[in-house]
């Protein structure tokens, strides 16, 4: 379910331009991903994952993440669509 939800969220935001800050949008997406609407509504209203999300945002800022895809190896990030050579160079620098 987590993978399905992640894919639906990316599709809604990047392909459809939907506002993921709107609880009703999130609930609709959760349902289409096969999640229970009542459970999703409770998580949203209680902000059950607030600390985890805040920690992810903090880590992303530390790594310089500004878009997707972002590849993270060790403490280094490579942002955006990159050629194979750039990924290879990043891997070699941390190996």
Foldseek 3Di string as FASTA:
>chain_A
DVVLLVVLVCCCCVVVVDDPVDLVVSLVSCVVSPHDSVVSSVCVVVVVCVVVVVVVVVLCVQQVEDAPPWDDDDSHIDYDDDDPVVVVVVVVVVD
